[in-house]
Amino acid sequence: MAARLEVLHLYRRSLKLALDWAIHRYLWRGQAVYIRSLFEANKHISQPRQQKALIDETEAILQKWKHPDPYRPPTAPGGSKYERNLAVPTTERMCYTIYTIWTEEFLDCG
């Protein structure tokens, strides 16, 4: 069961890594089909030692092909638009201060 989860994580990481290198989504789709075929070809292996060897080999390949500047969605942490337009923090004290100032100005003008 643990090997199955590890393989699923490796498959997902492989797809994300391919997406980092692909310029267009239609190019990535071909790579995704190829990656799927590689994982499907080794689906029948049930020996834990062979599974571990394949997992280690896949980890090494993923590390070798790791992108130096991976894609990040613009609004995600590390993206170009992350925290660009933050909402103004409101606290009770700030609201009370604004209300007090507004009330004093209103009373002075009247």
N, C-alpha and C. Protein backbone atom coordinates (compact mmCIF):
# COMPACT_ATOMS: atom_id res chain seq x y z
N MET A 1 0.82 -1.19 0.00
CA MET A 1 0.00 0.00 0.00
C MET A 1 0.87 1.26 0.00
N ALA A 2 1.95 1.25 0.77
CA ALA A 2 2.82 2.42 0.83
C ALA A 2 3.50 2.65 -0.52
N ALA A 3 3.88 1.57 -1.20
CA ALA A 3 4.53 1.71 -2.50
C ALA A 3 3.55 2.29 -3.52
N ARG A 4 2.30 1.91 -3.42
CA ARG A 4 1.28 2.42 -4.34
C ARG A 4 1.12 3.93 -4.18
N LEU A 5 1.05 4.38 -2.95
CA LEU A 5 0.94 5.82 -2.70
C LEU A 5 2.18 6.57 -3.18
N GLU A 6 3.34 5.96 -2.96
CA GLU A 6 4.58 6.59 -3.39
C GLU A 6 4.63 6.69 -4.91
N VAL A 7 4.15 5.66 -5.60
CA VAL A 7 4.12 5.69 -7.06
C VAL A 7 3.14 6.75 -7.55
N LEU A 8 2.00 6.88 -6.88
CA LEU A 8 1.04 7.92 -7.26
C LEU A 8 1.64 9.31 -7.10
N HIS A 9 2.37 9.52 -6.02
CA HIS A 9 3.04 10.81 -5.81
C HIS A 9 4.11 11.05 -6.87
N LEU A 10 4.85 10.01 -7.22
CA LEU A 10 5.86 10.15 -8.27
C LEU A 10 5.22 10.48 -9.62
N TYR A 11 4.10 9.83 -9.91
CA TYR A 11 3.40 10.09 -11.17
C TYR A 11 2.94 11.55 -11.23
N ARG A 12 2.38 12.02 -10.14
CA ARG A 12 1.92 13.41 -10.11
C ARG A 12 3.09 14.39 -10.23
N ARG A 13 4.17 14.11 -9.53
CA ARG A 13 5.36 14.96 -9.63
C ARG A 13 5.92 14.96 -11.05
N SER A 14 5.87 13.79 -11.70
CA SER A 14 6.35 13.69 -13.08
C SER A 14 5.53 14.57 -14.01
N LEU A 15 4.22 14.54 -13.83
CA LEU A 15 3.35 15.38 -14.67
C LEU A 15 3.60 16.86 -14.42
N LYS A 16 3.75 17.23 -13.17
CA LYS A 16 4.01 18.64 -12.85
C LYS A 16 5.38 19.09 -13.39
N LEU A 17 6.36 18.21 -13.32
CA LEU A 17 7.68 18.53 -13.85
C LEU A 17 7.62 18.70 -15.36
N ALA A 18 6.88 17.84 -16.03
CA ALA A 18 6.73 17.97 -17.48
C ALA A 18 6.02 19.28 -17.83
N LEU A 19 5.07 19.69 -17.01
CA LEU A 19 4.37 20.95 -17.24
C LEU A 19 5.29 22.15 -17.05
N ASP A 20 6.28 22.03 -16.17
CA ASP A 20 7.25 23.11 -16.00
C ASP A 20 8.08 23.31 -17.26
N TRP A 21 8.38 22.24 -17.96
CA TRP A 21 9.23 22.32 -19.15
C TRP A 21 8.45 22.60 -20.43
N ALA A 22 7.16 22.29 -20.45
CA ALA A 22 6.37 22.47 -21.67
C ALA A 22 5.97 23.94 -21.84
N ILE A 23 6.03 24.41 -23.06
CA ILE A 23 5.65 25.79 -23.33
C ILE A 23 4.13 25.89 -23.51
N HIS A 24 3.57 24.94 -24.23
CA HIS A 24 2.13 24.94 -24.50
C HIS A 24 1.49 23.68 -23.94
N ARG A 25 0.24 23.78 -23.59
CA ARG A 25 -0.48 22.66 -22.99
C ARG A 25 -0.60 21.49 -23.96
N TYR A 26 -0.78 21.75 -25.25
CA TYR A 26 -0.90 20.65 -26.21
C TYR A 26 0.40 19.88 -26.34
N LEU A 27 1.53 20.52 -26.13
CA LEU A 27 2.81 19.81 -26.11
C LEU A 27 2.94 18.96 -24.85
N TRP A 28 2.47 19.50 -23.76
CA TRP A 28 2.52 18.78 -22.48
C TRP A 28 1.66 17.52 -22.53
N ARG A 29 0.53 17.60 -23.24
CA ARG A 29 -0.38 16.44 -23.29
C ARG A 29 0.31 15.22 -23.87
N GLY A 30 1.11 15.40 -24.91
CA GLY A 30 1.87 14.29 -25.49
C GLY A 30 2.86 13.71 -24.50
N GLN A 31 3.52 14.58 -23.75
CA GLN A 31 4.45 14.12 -22.73
C GLN A 31 3.72 13.38 -21.62
N ALA A 32 2.54 13.86 -21.26
CA ALA A 32 1.76 13.21 -20.21
C ALA A 32 1.35 11.80 -20.62
N VAL A 33 0.99 11.62 -21.87
CA VAL A 33 0.62 10.29 -22.37
C VAL A 33 1.84 9.37 -22.33
N TYR A 34 3.01 9.91 -22.70
CA TYR A 34 4.24 9.11 -22.66
C TYR A 34 4.60 8.71 -21.22
N ILE A 35 4.48 9.66 -20.29
CA ILE A 35 4.77 9.35 -18.88
C ILE A 35 3.81 8.29 -18.38
N ARG A 36 2.53 8.40 -18.75
CA ARG A 36 1.55 7.40 -18.34
C ARG A 36 1.92 6.03 -18.86
N SER A 37 2.40 5.96 -20.11
CA SER A 37 2.78 4.66 -20.68
C SER A 37 3.97 4.06 -19.93
N LEU A 38 4.90 4.90 -19.49
CA LEU A 38 6.05 4.39 -18.72
C LEU A 38 5.59 3.80 -17.38
N PHE A 39 4.69 4.48 -16.72
CA PHE A 39 4.19 3.97 -15.44
C PHE A 39 3.34 2.71 -15.65
N GLU A 40 2.53 2.69 -16.71
CA GLU A 40 1.70 1.51 -16.99
C GLU A 40 2.56 0.29 -17.33
N ALA A 41 3.71 0.51 -17.98
CA ALA A 41 4.57 -0.61 -18.37
C ALA A 41 5.12 -1.35 -17.15
N ASN A 42 5.28 -0.67 -16.03
CA ASN A 42 5.84 -1.29 -14.83
C ASN A 42 4.78 -1.57 -13.77
N LYS A 43 3.52 -1.54 -14.16
CA LYS A 43 2.43 -1.74 -13.23
C LYS A 43 2.38 -3.18 -12.67
N HIS A 44 2.83 -4.12 -13.44
CA HIS A 44 2.72 -5.53 -13.06
C HIS A 44 3.76 -5.97 -12.02
N ILE A 45 4.76 -5.18 -11.75
CA ILE A 45 5.84 -5.56 -10.82
C ILE A 45 5.29 -5.60 -9.40
N SER A 46 5.46 -6.75 -8.74
CA SER A 46 4.92 -6.91 -7.39
C SER A 46 5.99 -7.19 -6.34
N GLN A 47 7.23 -7.41 -6.76
CA GLN A 47 8.31 -7.66 -5.81
C GLN A 47 8.74 -6.35 -5.15
N PRO A 48 8.74 -6.30 -3.82
CA PRO A 48 9.08 -5.05 -3.13
C PRO A 48 10.46 -4.50 -3.48
N ARG A 49 11.44 -5.37 -3.68
CA ARG A 49 12.80 -4.89 -4.01
C ARG A 49 12.83 -4.26 -5.40
N GLN A 50 12.14 -4.88 -6.34
CA GLN A 50 12.08 -4.31 -7.69
C GLN A 50 11.31 -2.99 -7.68
N GLN A 51 10.24 -2.95 -6.90
CA GLN A 51 9.47 -1.71 -6.79
C GLN A 51 10.33 -0.59 -6.21
N LYS A 52 11.05 -0.91 -5.17
CA LYS A 52 11.92 0.09 -4.53
C LYS A 52 12.99 0.58 -5.49
N ALA A 53 13.56 -0.34 -6.27
CA ALA A 53 14.58 0.04 -7.25
C ALA A 53 14.00 0.97 -8.31
N LEU A 54 12.80 0.67 -8.79
CA LEU A 54 12.15 1.54 -9.78
C LEU A 54 11.80 2.90 -9.19
N ILE A 55 11.34 2.90 -7.96
CA ILE A 55 11.01 4.17 -7.29
C ILE A 55 12.26 5.02 -7.13
N ASP A 56 13.36 4.41 -6.71
CA ASP A 56 14.62 5.15 -6.56
C ASP A 56 15.11 5.68 -7.90
N GLU A 57 14.98 4.87 -8.95
CA GLU A 57 15.40 5.30 -10.29
C GLU A 57 14.55 6.48 -10.77
N THR A 58 13.26 6.41 -10.51
CA THR A 58 12.36 7.49 -10.91
C THR A 58 12.68 8.76 -10.13
N GLU A 59 12.96 8.63 -8.84
CA GLU A 59 13.35 9.79 -8.03
C GLU A 59 14.60 10.45 -8.60
N ALA A 60 15.57 9.64 -9.00
CA ALA A 60 16.82 10.17 -9.56
C ALA A 60 16.55 10.90 -10.88
N ILE A 61 15.68 10.35 -11.71
CA ILE A 61 15.34 10.99 -12.99
C ILE A 61 14.64 12.33 -12.74
N LEU A 62 13.71 12.33 -11.79
CA LEU A 62 13.00 13.57 -11.48
C LEU A 62 13.96 14.64 -10.94
N GLN A 63 14.90 14.22 -10.12
CA GLN A 63 15.88 15.16 -9.58
C GLN A 63 16.78 15.71 -10.69
N LYS A 64 17.13 14.84 -11.63
CA LYS A 64 17.99 15.25 -12.74
C LYS A 64 17.28 16.26 -13.64
N TRP A 65 15.98 16.08 -13.87
CA TRP A 65 15.23 16.93 -14.79
C TRP A 65 14.50 18.07 -14.08
N LYS A 66 14.80 18.31 -12.83
CA LYS A 66 14.13 19.37 -12.09
C LYS A 66 14.38 20.72 -12.75
N HIS A 67 13.32 21.48 -12.94
CA HIS A 67 13.42 22.77 -13.61
C HIS A 67 14.03 23.82 -12.67
N PRO A 68 14.97 24.65 -13.17
CA PRO A 68 15.58 25.65 -12.29
C PRO A 68 14.62 26.77 -11.89
N ASP A 69 13.61 27.02 -12.72
CA ASP A 69 12.63 28.07 -12.42
C ASP A 69 11.24 27.51 -12.69
N PRO A 70 10.70 26.70 -11.77
CA PRO A 70 9.41 26.05 -12.03
C PRO A 70 8.26 27.04 -12.13
N TYR A 71 7.22 26.63 -12.83
CA TYR A 71 6.04 27.47 -13.00
C TYR A 71 5.30 27.59 -11.67
N ARG A 72 4.91 28.83 -11.36
CA ARG A 72 4.08 29.08 -10.19
C ARG A 72 2.90 29.92 -10.65
N PRO A 73 1.70 29.57 -10.25
CA PRO A 73 0.56 30.44 -10.59
C PRO A 73 0.80 31.84 -10.03
N PRO A 74 0.41 32.88 -10.74
CA PRO A 74 0.72 34.25 -10.31
C PRO A 74 0.24 34.60 -8.91
N THR A 75 -0.91 34.06 -8.50
CA THR A 75 -1.45 34.44 -7.20
C THR A 75 -1.00 33.50 -6.08
N ALA A 76 -0.20 32.50 -6.39
CA ALA A 76 0.30 31.57 -5.38
C ALA A 76 1.52 32.17 -4.68
N PRO A 77 1.87 31.68 -3.49
CA PRO A 77 3.09 32.18 -2.83
C PRO A 77 4.30 32.01 -3.75
N GLY A 78 5.04 33.08 -3.93
CA GLY A 78 6.18 33.07 -4.85
C GLY A 78 5.82 33.53 -6.24
N GLY A 79 4.52 33.71 -6.53
CA GLY A 79 4.08 34.18 -7.84
C GLY A 79 4.23 35.68 -7.96
N SER A 80 4.10 36.19 -9.18
CA SER A 80 4.33 37.61 -9.43
C SER A 80 3.23 38.51 -8.87
N LYS A 81 2.05 37.97 -8.64
CA LYS A 81 0.94 38.79 -8.12
C LYS A 81 0.59 38.44 -6.69
N TYR A 82 1.43 37.66 -6.02
CA TYR A 82 1.12 37.23 -4.66
C TYR A 82 1.11 38.43 -3.72
N GLU A 83 0.05 38.58 -2.99
CA GLU A 83 -0.15 39.66 -2.00
C GLU A 83 -0.02 41.05 -2.62
N ARG A 84 -0.39 41.19 -3.88
CA ARG A 84 -0.28 42.49 -4.51
C ARG A 84 -1.33 43.46 -4.00
N ASN A 85 -2.56 43.05 -3.91
CA ASN A 85 -3.64 43.93 -3.47
C ASN A 85 -4.27 43.36 -2.20
N LEU A 86 -3.60 43.53 -1.11
CA LEU A 86 -4.11 43.03 0.16
C LEU A 86 -5.21 43.93 0.68
N ALA A 87 -6.17 43.31 1.34
CA ALA A 87 -7.22 44.09 1.97
C ALA A 87 -6.65 44.82 3.19
N VAL A 88 -7.21 45.97 3.48
CA VAL A 88 -6.75 46.74 4.63
C VAL A 88 -7.18 46.01 5.90
N PRO A 89 -6.25 45.76 6.80
CA PRO A 89 -6.63 45.06 8.03
C PRO A 89 -7.54 45.95 8.89
N THR A 90 -8.58 45.35 9.41
CA THR A 90 -9.49 46.09 10.28
C THR A 90 -9.46 45.45 11.66
N THR A 91 -9.33 46.28 12.63
CA THR A 91 -9.39 45.82 14.01
C THR A 91 -10.39 46.69 14.75
N GLU A 92 -10.81 46.24 15.87
CA GLU A 92 -11.78 47.01 16.65
C GLU A 92 -11.20 48.36 17.04
N ARG A 93 -9.94 48.37 17.41
CA ARG A 93 -9.32 49.63 17.83
C ARG A 93 -9.26 50.61 16.67
N MET A 94 -8.89 50.10 15.48
CA MET A 94 -8.80 50.97 14.32
C MET A 94 -10.19 51.53 13.97
N CYS A 95 -11.22 50.68 14.02
CA CYS A 95 -12.57 51.14 13.73
C CYS A 95 -13.02 52.16 14.77
N TYR A 96 -12.69 51.92 16.02
CA TYR A 96 -13.07 52.85 17.09
C TYR A 96 -12.37 54.20 16.89
N THR A 97 -11.08 54.16 16.51
CA THR A 97 -10.32 55.39 16.29
C THR A 97 -10.92 56.18 15.12
N ILE A 98 -11.23 55.49 14.03
CA ILE A 98 -11.83 56.17 12.88
C ILE A 98 -13.18 56.76 13.26
N TYR A 99 -13.97 56.02 14.01
CA TYR A 99 -15.28 56.51 14.43
C TYR A 99 -15.13 57.74 15.33
N THR A 100 -14.16 57.70 16.24
CA THR A 100 -13.92 58.82 17.16
C THR A 100 -13.50 60.06 16.39
N ILE A 101 -12.58 59.91 15.45
CA ILE A 101 -12.13 61.05 14.65
C ILE A 101 -13.28 61.61 13.84
N TRP A 102 -14.07 60.75 13.21
CA TRP A 102 -15.20 61.20 12.40
C TRP A 102 -16.22 61.94 13.27
N THR A 103 -16.48 61.41 14.46
CA THR A 103 -17.44 62.04 15.36
C THR A 103 -16.95 63.41 15.80
N GLU A 104 -15.67 63.53 16.13
CA GLU A 104 -15.12 64.82 16.56
C GLU A 104 -15.17 65.84 15.43
N GLU A 105 -14.87 65.42 14.21
CA GLU A 105 -14.94 66.33 13.07
C GLU A 105 -16.38 66.77 12.83
N PHE A 106 -17.31 65.84 12.96
CA PHE A 106 -18.71 66.16 12.73
C PHE A 106 -19.23 67.15 13.78
N LEU A 107 -18.79 66.93 15.04
CA LEU A 107 -19.24 67.83 16.11
C LEU A 107 -18.60 69.21 15.99
N ASP A 108 -17.33 69.27 15.54
CA ASP A 108 -16.65 70.56 15.38
C ASP A 108 -17.27 71.38 14.25
N CYS A 109 -17.73 70.71 13.21
CA CYS A 109 -18.27 71.41 12.05
C CYS A 109 -19.70 71.91 12.31
N GLY A 110 -20.40 71.30 13.22
CA GLY A 110 -21.80 71.64 13.43
C GLY A 110 -21.97 72.68 14.42
